[in-house]
């Protein structure tokens, strides 16, 4: 991530939370080595979205309810709860996500509100 963004973050402080330390460490890894949980965590922290959202959408296309360490569909939840402004920057990604969401038949109730909010807050193709 650091190479792609050409932005080297300083080391986290010694008293950093586990989340902060993990995000810093993940920024050093090649993005091709990031798993669902890594993507969920980074996307949820709005880190590297231009690079990570396309990877997340590839995973979600094959498995819309892909699960990191939290719950079924946690990657989808992280993606659809990003600030709607990000989708105006990447309309092609928004269209792909919308297509994935519109094909979902059985959506867990825990995700329904976030998905409905996304579908209502982003422009339609």
N, C-alpha and C. Protein backbone atom coordinates (compact mmCIF):
# COMPACT_ATOMS: atom_id res chain seq x y z
N UNK A 1 0.82 -1.18 0.00
CA UNK A 1 0.00 0.00 0.00
C UNK A 1 0.88 1.25 0.00
N UNK A 2 1.91 1.22 0.80
CA UNK A 2 2.80 2.39 0.87
C UNK A 2 3.40 2.71 -0.49
N UNK A 3 3.80 1.67 -1.22
CA UNK A 3 4.39 1.90 -2.53
C UNK A 3 3.35 2.43 -3.51
N UNK A 4 2.16 1.85 -3.49
CA UNK A 4 1.11 2.29 -4.41
C UNK A 4 0.70 3.73 -4.15
N UNK A 5 0.59 4.08 -2.89
CA UNK A 5 0.15 5.43 -2.54
C UNK A 5 1.31 6.42 -2.44
N UNK A 6 2.53 5.88 -2.47
CA UNK A 6 3.73 6.73 -2.33
C UNK A 6 3.62 7.61 -1.09
N UNK A 7 3.23 6.93 -0.02
CA UNK A 7 3.01 7.63 1.25
C UNK A 7 3.46 6.70 2.38
N UNK A 8 4.60 7.01 2.96
CA UNK A 8 5.11 6.19 4.06
C UNK A 8 4.66 6.81 5.38
N UNK A 9 3.91 6.01 6.12
CA UNK A 9 3.46 6.45 7.44
C UNK A 9 4.58 6.23 8.44
N UNK A 10 4.69 7.09 9.43
CA UNK A 10 5.67 6.82 10.50
C UNK A 10 5.22 5.59 11.30
N UNK A 11 6.16 5.00 12.00
CA UNK A 11 5.80 3.86 12.85
C UNK A 11 4.75 4.30 13.87
N UNK A 12 3.84 3.39 14.22
CA UNK A 12 2.85 3.77 15.23
C UNK A 12 3.53 3.99 16.58
N UNK A 13 2.93 4.81 17.41
CA UNK A 13 3.53 5.03 18.73
C UNK A 13 3.53 3.74 19.55
N UNK A 14 4.38 3.69 20.54
CA UNK A 14 4.49 2.49 21.38
C UNK A 14 3.18 2.14 22.07
N UNK A 15 2.38 3.13 22.39
CA UNK A 15 1.12 2.87 23.09
C UNK A 15 -0.08 2.79 22.14
N UNK A 16 0.18 2.55 20.85
CA UNK A 16 -0.89 2.47 19.86
C UNK A 16 -1.80 1.30 20.16
N UNK A 17 -3.06 1.45 19.78
CA UNK A 17 -4.01 0.35 19.94
C UNK A 17 -3.65 -0.77 18.98
N UNK A 18 -4.24 -1.91 19.22
CA UNK A 18 -4.02 -3.07 18.35
C UNK A 18 -4.47 -2.73 16.93
N UNK A 19 -5.60 -2.04 16.81
CA UNK A 19 -6.12 -1.66 15.49
C UNK A 19 -5.12 -0.78 14.74
N UNK A 20 -4.62 0.23 15.38
CA UNK A 20 -3.66 1.14 14.74
C UNK A 20 -2.40 0.38 14.33
N UNK A 21 -1.89 -0.45 15.21
CA UNK A 21 -0.69 -1.23 14.89
C UNK A 21 -0.94 -2.18 13.72
N UNK A 22 -2.10 -2.79 13.70
CA UNK A 22 -2.43 -3.73 12.62
C UNK A 22 -2.54 -3.00 11.29
N UNK A 23 -3.22 -1.87 11.27
CA UNK A 23 -3.36 -1.09 10.03
C UNK A 23 -1.99 -0.68 9.51
N UNK A 24 -1.14 -0.22 10.38
CA UNK A 24 0.22 0.17 9.97
C UNK A 24 0.96 -1.02 9.39
N UNK A 25 0.86 -2.16 10.03
CA UNK A 25 1.56 -3.35 9.54
C UNK A 25 1.01 -3.80 8.19
N UNK A 26 -0.30 -3.75 8.03
CA UNK A 26 -0.90 -4.19 6.76
C UNK A 26 -0.52 -3.29 5.60
N UNK A 27 -0.25 -2.04 5.87
CA UNK A 27 0.16 -1.12 4.79
C UNK A 27 1.52 -1.51 4.20
N UNK A 28 2.30 -2.29 4.93
CA UNK A 28 3.60 -2.74 4.43
C UNK A 28 3.50 -3.98 3.55
N UNK A 29 2.38 -4.67 3.62
CA UNK A 29 2.24 -5.92 2.88
C UNK A 29 1.80 -5.67 1.44
N UNK A 30 2.25 -6.53 0.52
CA UNK A 30 1.75 -6.43 -0.86
C UNK A 30 0.23 -6.67 -0.85
N UNK A 31 -0.52 -5.87 -1.62
CA UNK A 31 -1.97 -6.00 -1.54
C UNK A 31 -2.46 -7.36 -2.02
N UNK A 32 -1.70 -8.03 -2.86
CA UNK A 32 -2.09 -9.36 -3.31
C UNK A 32 -2.05 -10.41 -2.21
N UNK A 33 -1.45 -10.09 -1.08
CA UNK A 33 -1.38 -11.05 0.03
C UNK A 33 -2.45 -10.79 1.09
N UNK A 34 -3.25 -9.74 0.90
CA UNK A 34 -4.27 -9.40 1.89
C UNK A 34 -5.45 -10.36 1.77
N UNK A 35 -5.93 -10.85 2.91
CA UNK A 35 -7.09 -11.74 2.91
C UNK A 35 -8.36 -10.94 3.21
N UNK A 36 -9.48 -11.64 3.29
CA UNK A 36 -10.77 -10.98 3.52
C UNK A 36 -10.75 -10.14 4.79
N UNK A 37 -10.21 -10.68 5.85
CA UNK A 37 -10.17 -9.94 7.11
C UNK A 37 -9.31 -8.69 6.99
N UNK A 38 -8.17 -8.81 6.32
CA UNK A 38 -7.30 -7.64 6.13
C UNK A 38 -8.02 -6.56 5.33
N UNK A 39 -8.70 -6.95 4.27
CA UNK A 39 -9.45 -6.00 3.45
C UNK A 39 -10.56 -5.36 4.27
N UNK A 40 -11.29 -6.16 5.02
CA UNK A 40 -12.38 -5.64 5.85
C UNK A 40 -11.86 -4.57 6.81
N UNK A 41 -10.76 -4.88 7.44
CA UNK A 41 -10.19 -3.97 8.42
C UNK A 41 -9.71 -2.67 7.77
N UNK A 42 -8.95 -2.78 6.70
CA UNK A 42 -8.42 -1.59 6.04
C UNK A 42 -9.53 -0.74 5.42
N UNK A 43 -10.47 -1.37 4.74
CA UNK A 43 -11.57 -0.63 4.13
C UNK A 43 -12.40 0.03 5.22
N UNK A 44 -12.63 -0.66 6.31
CA UNK A 44 -13.38 -0.09 7.42
C UNK A 44 -12.71 1.13 8.03
N UNK A 45 -11.40 1.24 7.85
CA UNK A 45 -10.66 2.39 8.34
C UNK A 45 -10.38 3.41 7.23
N UNK A 46 -10.99 3.19 6.07
CA UNK A 46 -10.83 4.10 4.91
C UNK A 46 -9.39 4.21 4.45
N UNK A 47 -8.68 3.11 4.52
CA UNK A 47 -7.28 3.09 4.10
C UNK A 47 -7.19 2.44 2.72
N UNK A 48 -6.55 3.13 1.80
CA UNK A 48 -6.26 2.55 0.49
C UNK A 48 -7.47 2.22 -0.36
N UNK A 49 -8.56 2.93 -0.18
CA UNK A 49 -9.80 2.57 -0.88
C UNK A 49 -9.65 2.48 -2.40
N UNK A 50 -8.95 3.38 -3.07
CA UNK A 50 -8.84 3.24 -4.53
C UNK A 50 -8.19 1.92 -4.96
N UNK A 51 -7.36 1.36 -4.11
CA UNK A 51 -6.65 0.12 -4.44
C UNK A 51 -7.37 -1.11 -3.90
N UNK A 52 -8.04 -0.96 -2.76
CA UNK A 52 -8.63 -2.12 -2.09
C UNK A 52 -10.07 -2.39 -2.48
N UNK A 53 -10.83 -1.37 -2.82
CA UNK A 53 -12.22 -1.62 -3.21
C UNK A 53 -12.32 -2.53 -4.44
N UNK A 54 -11.48 -2.36 -5.46
CA UNK A 54 -11.57 -3.30 -6.59
C UNK A 54 -11.29 -4.75 -6.17
N UNK A 55 -10.34 -4.95 -5.26
CA UNK A 55 -10.06 -6.31 -4.78
C UNK A 55 -11.25 -6.86 -3.99
N UNK A 56 -11.82 -6.03 -3.16
CA UNK A 56 -12.98 -6.46 -2.37
C UNK A 56 -14.14 -6.84 -3.29
N UNK A 57 -14.36 -6.06 -4.33
CA UNK A 57 -15.46 -6.35 -5.25
C UNK A 57 -15.24 -7.65 -6.00
N UNK A 58 -14.00 -7.99 -6.30
CA UNK A 58 -13.71 -9.29 -6.93
C UNK A 58 -14.14 -10.42 -6.00
N UNK A 59 -13.81 -10.29 -4.74
CA UNK A 59 -14.19 -11.30 -3.75
C UNK A 59 -15.70 -11.35 -3.60
N UNK A 60 -16.33 -10.18 -3.48
CA UNK A 60 -17.78 -10.12 -3.28
C UNK A 60 -18.55 -10.63 -4.49
N UNK A 61 -17.99 -10.46 -5.67
CA UNK A 61 -18.65 -10.98 -6.88
C UNK A 61 -18.80 -12.50 -6.78
N UNK A 62 -17.76 -13.15 -6.28
CA UNK A 62 -17.78 -14.62 -6.15
C UNK A 62 -18.48 -15.08 -4.88
N UNK A 63 -18.39 -14.26 -3.83
CA UNK A 63 -18.98 -14.63 -2.54
C UNK A 63 -19.44 -13.37 -1.82
N UNK A 64 -20.66 -12.92 -2.11
CA UNK A 64 -21.13 -11.66 -1.53
C UNK A 64 -21.13 -11.64 0.00
N UNK A 65 -21.18 -12.79 0.62
CA UNK A 65 -21.20 -12.84 2.08
C UNK A 65 -19.86 -13.30 2.65
N UNK A 66 -18.78 -13.00 1.91
CA UNK A 66 -17.44 -13.35 2.38
C UNK A 66 -17.25 -12.84 3.80
N UNK A 67 -16.58 -13.65 4.58
CA UNK A 67 -16.48 -13.38 6.01
C UNK A 67 -15.02 -13.24 6.45
N UNK A 68 -14.75 -12.15 7.15
CA UNK A 68 -13.46 -11.98 7.81
C UNK A 68 -13.55 -12.63 9.18
N UNK A 69 -13.12 -11.92 10.20
CA UNK A 69 -13.13 -12.48 11.56
C UNK A 69 -14.35 -12.08 12.37
N UNK A 70 -15.25 -11.30 11.78
CA UNK A 70 -16.36 -10.77 12.57
C UNK A 70 -17.66 -11.56 12.37
N UNK A 71 -18.21 -11.57 11.17
CA UNK A 71 -19.49 -12.23 10.91
C UNK A 71 -19.67 -12.40 9.41
N UNK A 72 -20.60 -13.25 9.03
CA UNK A 72 -20.90 -13.47 7.63
C UNK A 72 -21.30 -12.14 6.99
N UNK A 73 -20.63 -11.79 5.91
CA UNK A 73 -20.93 -10.56 5.21
C UNK A 73 -20.22 -9.33 5.74
N UNK A 74 -19.23 -9.53 6.62
CA UNK A 74 -18.56 -8.36 7.20
C UNK A 74 -17.76 -7.55 6.17
N UNK A 75 -17.25 -8.19 5.13
CA UNK A 75 -16.56 -7.44 4.08
C UNK A 75 -17.57 -6.59 3.32
N UNK A 76 -18.71 -7.16 2.98
CA UNK A 76 -19.76 -6.42 2.30
C UNK A 76 -20.20 -5.22 3.14
N UNK A 77 -20.36 -5.43 4.42
CA UNK A 77 -20.75 -4.35 5.31
C UNK A 77 -19.72 -3.22 5.30
N UNK A 78 -18.44 -3.58 5.35
CA UNK A 78 -17.39 -2.56 5.31
C UNK A 78 -17.44 -1.77 4.01
N UNK A 79 -17.70 -2.46 2.91
CA UNK A 79 -17.71 -1.80 1.61
C UNK A 79 -18.92 -0.87 1.47
N UNK A 80 -20.11 -1.35 1.81
CA UNK A 80 -21.31 -0.53 1.58
C UNK A 80 -21.45 0.62 2.57
N UNK A 81 -20.71 0.59 3.66
CA UNK A 81 -20.82 1.68 4.64
C UNK A 81 -19.77 2.77 4.45
N UNK A 82 -19.02 2.72 3.36
CA UNK A 82 -18.09 3.82 3.08
C UNK A 82 -18.89 5.06 2.74
N UNK A 83 -18.26 6.19 2.92
CA UNK A 83 -18.89 7.47 2.61
C UNK A 83 -19.35 7.44 1.14
N UNK A 84 -20.60 7.80 0.88
CA UNK A 84 -21.10 7.78 -0.50
C UNK A 84 -20.24 8.59 -1.47
N UNK A 85 -19.50 9.57 -0.99
CA UNK A 85 -18.65 10.38 -1.87
C UNK A 85 -17.60 9.53 -2.58
N UNK A 86 -17.16 8.45 -1.96
CA UNK A 86 -16.14 7.60 -2.60
C UNK A 86 -16.68 7.01 -3.90
N UNK A 87 -17.97 6.70 -3.92
CA UNK A 87 -18.55 6.07 -5.11
C UNK A 87 -18.67 7.07 -6.25
N UNK A 88 -18.82 8.35 -5.95
CA UNK A 88 -18.86 9.34 -7.02
C UNK A 88 -17.48 9.48 -7.67
N UNK A 89 -16.44 9.17 -6.92
CA UNK A 89 -15.07 9.18 -7.48
C UNK A 89 -14.81 7.95 -8.34
N UNK A 90 -15.54 6.85 -8.05
CA UNK A 90 -15.32 5.58 -8.75
C UNK A 90 -16.65 4.99 -9.21
N UNK A 91 -17.31 5.65 -10.17
CA UNK A 91 -18.65 5.19 -10.58
C UNK A 91 -18.66 3.78 -11.15
N UNK A 92 -17.58 3.37 -11.76
CA UNK A 92 -17.51 2.00 -12.30
C UNK A 92 -17.57 0.98 -11.17
N UNK A 93 -16.88 1.25 -10.08
CA UNK A 93 -16.92 0.36 -8.93
C UNK A 93 -18.31 0.36 -8.29
N UNK A 94 -18.92 1.54 -8.25
CA UNK A 94 -20.28 1.63 -7.69
C UNK A 94 -21.25 0.79 -8.50
N UNK A 95 -21.14 0.82 -9.82
CA UNK A 95 -22.02 0.02 -10.67
C UNK A 95 -21.81 -1.47 -10.43
N UNK A 96 -20.55 -1.87 -10.27
CA UNK A 96 -20.26 -3.28 -10.00
C UNK A 96 -20.84 -3.71 -8.66
N UNK A 97 -20.69 -2.86 -7.65
CA UNK A 97 -21.23 -3.19 -6.33
C UNK A 97 -22.75 -3.24 -6.38
N UNK A 98 -23.36 -2.29 -7.04
CA UNK A 98 -24.81 -2.27 -7.16
C UNK A 98 -25.30 -3.57 -7.83
N UNK A 99 -24.61 -4.03 -8.87
CA UNK A 99 -25.00 -5.26 -9.56
C UNK A 99 -24.90 -6.46 -8.60
N UNK A 100 -23.85 -6.50 -7.81
CA UNK A 100 -23.69 -7.59 -6.83
C UNK A 100 -24.86 -7.56 -5.84
N UNK A 101 -25.17 -6.39 -5.34
CA UNK A 101 -26.23 -6.25 -4.33
C UNK A 101 -27.60 -6.61 -4.89
N UNK A 102 -27.86 -6.21 -6.12
CA UNK A 102 -29.17 -6.48 -6.71
C UNK A 102 -29.39 -7.96 -7.00
N UNK A 103 -28.31 -8.73 -7.06
CA UNK A 103 -28.43 -10.17 -7.29
C UNK A 103 -28.58 -10.97 -6.01
N UNK A 104 -28.39 -10.32 -4.87
CA UNK A 104 -28.49 -11.03 -3.59
C UNK A 104 -29.94 -11.39 -3.32
N UNK A 105 -30.17 -12.66 -3.06
CA UNK A 105 -31.53 -13.11 -2.76
C UNK A 105 -31.76 -13.19 -1.26
N UNK A 106 -30.87 -13.87 -0.56
CA UNK A 106 -31.01 -14.04 0.88
C UNK A 106 -29.99 -13.20 1.61
N UNK A 107 -30.40 -12.04 2.00
CA UNK A 107 -29.52 -11.12 2.70
C UNK A 107 -29.78 -11.24 4.20
N UNK A 108 -28.75 -11.52 4.99
CA UNK A 108 -28.95 -11.58 6.44
C UNK A 108 -29.53 -10.26 6.94
N UNK A 109 -30.41 -10.35 7.91
CA UNK A 109 -31.06 -9.15 8.43
C UNK A 109 -30.05 -8.15 8.98
N UNK A 110 -28.90 -8.63 9.46
CA UNK A 110 -27.88 -7.73 10.01
C UNK A 110 -27.27 -6.83 8.93
N UNK A 111 -27.39 -7.21 7.66
CA UNK A 111 -26.82 -6.41 6.57
C UNK A 111 -27.87 -5.60 5.82
N UNK A 112 -29.12 -5.96 5.99
CA UNK A 112 -30.19 -5.38 5.18
C UNK A 112 -30.22 -3.85 5.23
N UNK A 113 -30.14 -3.27 6.41
CA UNK A 113 -30.20 -1.82 6.53
C UNK A 113 -29.07 -1.11 5.81
N UNK A 114 -27.85 -1.62 5.96
CA UNK A 114 -26.70 -0.99 5.30
C UNK A 114 -26.80 -1.11 3.79
N UNK A 115 -27.25 -2.26 3.31
CA UNK A 115 -27.39 -2.46 1.86
C UNK A 115 -28.48 -1.54 1.31
N UNK A 116 -29.61 -1.48 2.00
CA UNK A 116 -30.70 -0.61 1.55
C UNK A 116 -30.26 0.86 1.55
N UNK A 117 -29.50 1.25 2.57
CA UNK A 117 -29.01 2.62 2.63
C UNK A 117 -28.07 2.90 1.45
N UNK A 118 -27.17 1.96 1.16
CA UNK A 118 -26.27 2.14 0.01
C UNK A 118 -27.08 2.28 -1.28
N UNK A 119 -28.01 1.37 -1.48
CA UNK A 119 -28.79 1.40 -2.72
C UNK A 119 -29.59 2.69 -2.85
N UNK A 120 -29.99 3.26 -1.73
CA UNK A 120 -30.75 4.50 -1.78
C UNK A 120 -29.90 5.75 -1.83
N UNK A 121 -28.60 5.64 -1.48
CA UNK A 121 -27.77 6.84 -1.38
C UNK A 121 -26.81 7.04 -2.54
N UNK A 122 -26.74 6.06 -3.44
CA UNK A 122 -25.82 6.19 -4.56
C UNK A 122 -26.62 6.31 -5.85
N UNK A 123 -26.07 7.00 -6.83
CA UNK A 123 -26.80 7.14 -8.09
C UNK A 123 -26.98 5.80 -8.78
N UNK A 124 -28.06 5.66 -9.47
CA UNK A 124 -28.32 4.42 -10.22
C UNK A 124 -27.66 4.51 -11.58
N UNK A 125 -27.16 3.37 -12.08
CA UNK A 125 -26.50 3.39 -13.39
C UNK A 125 -27.44 3.76 -14.52
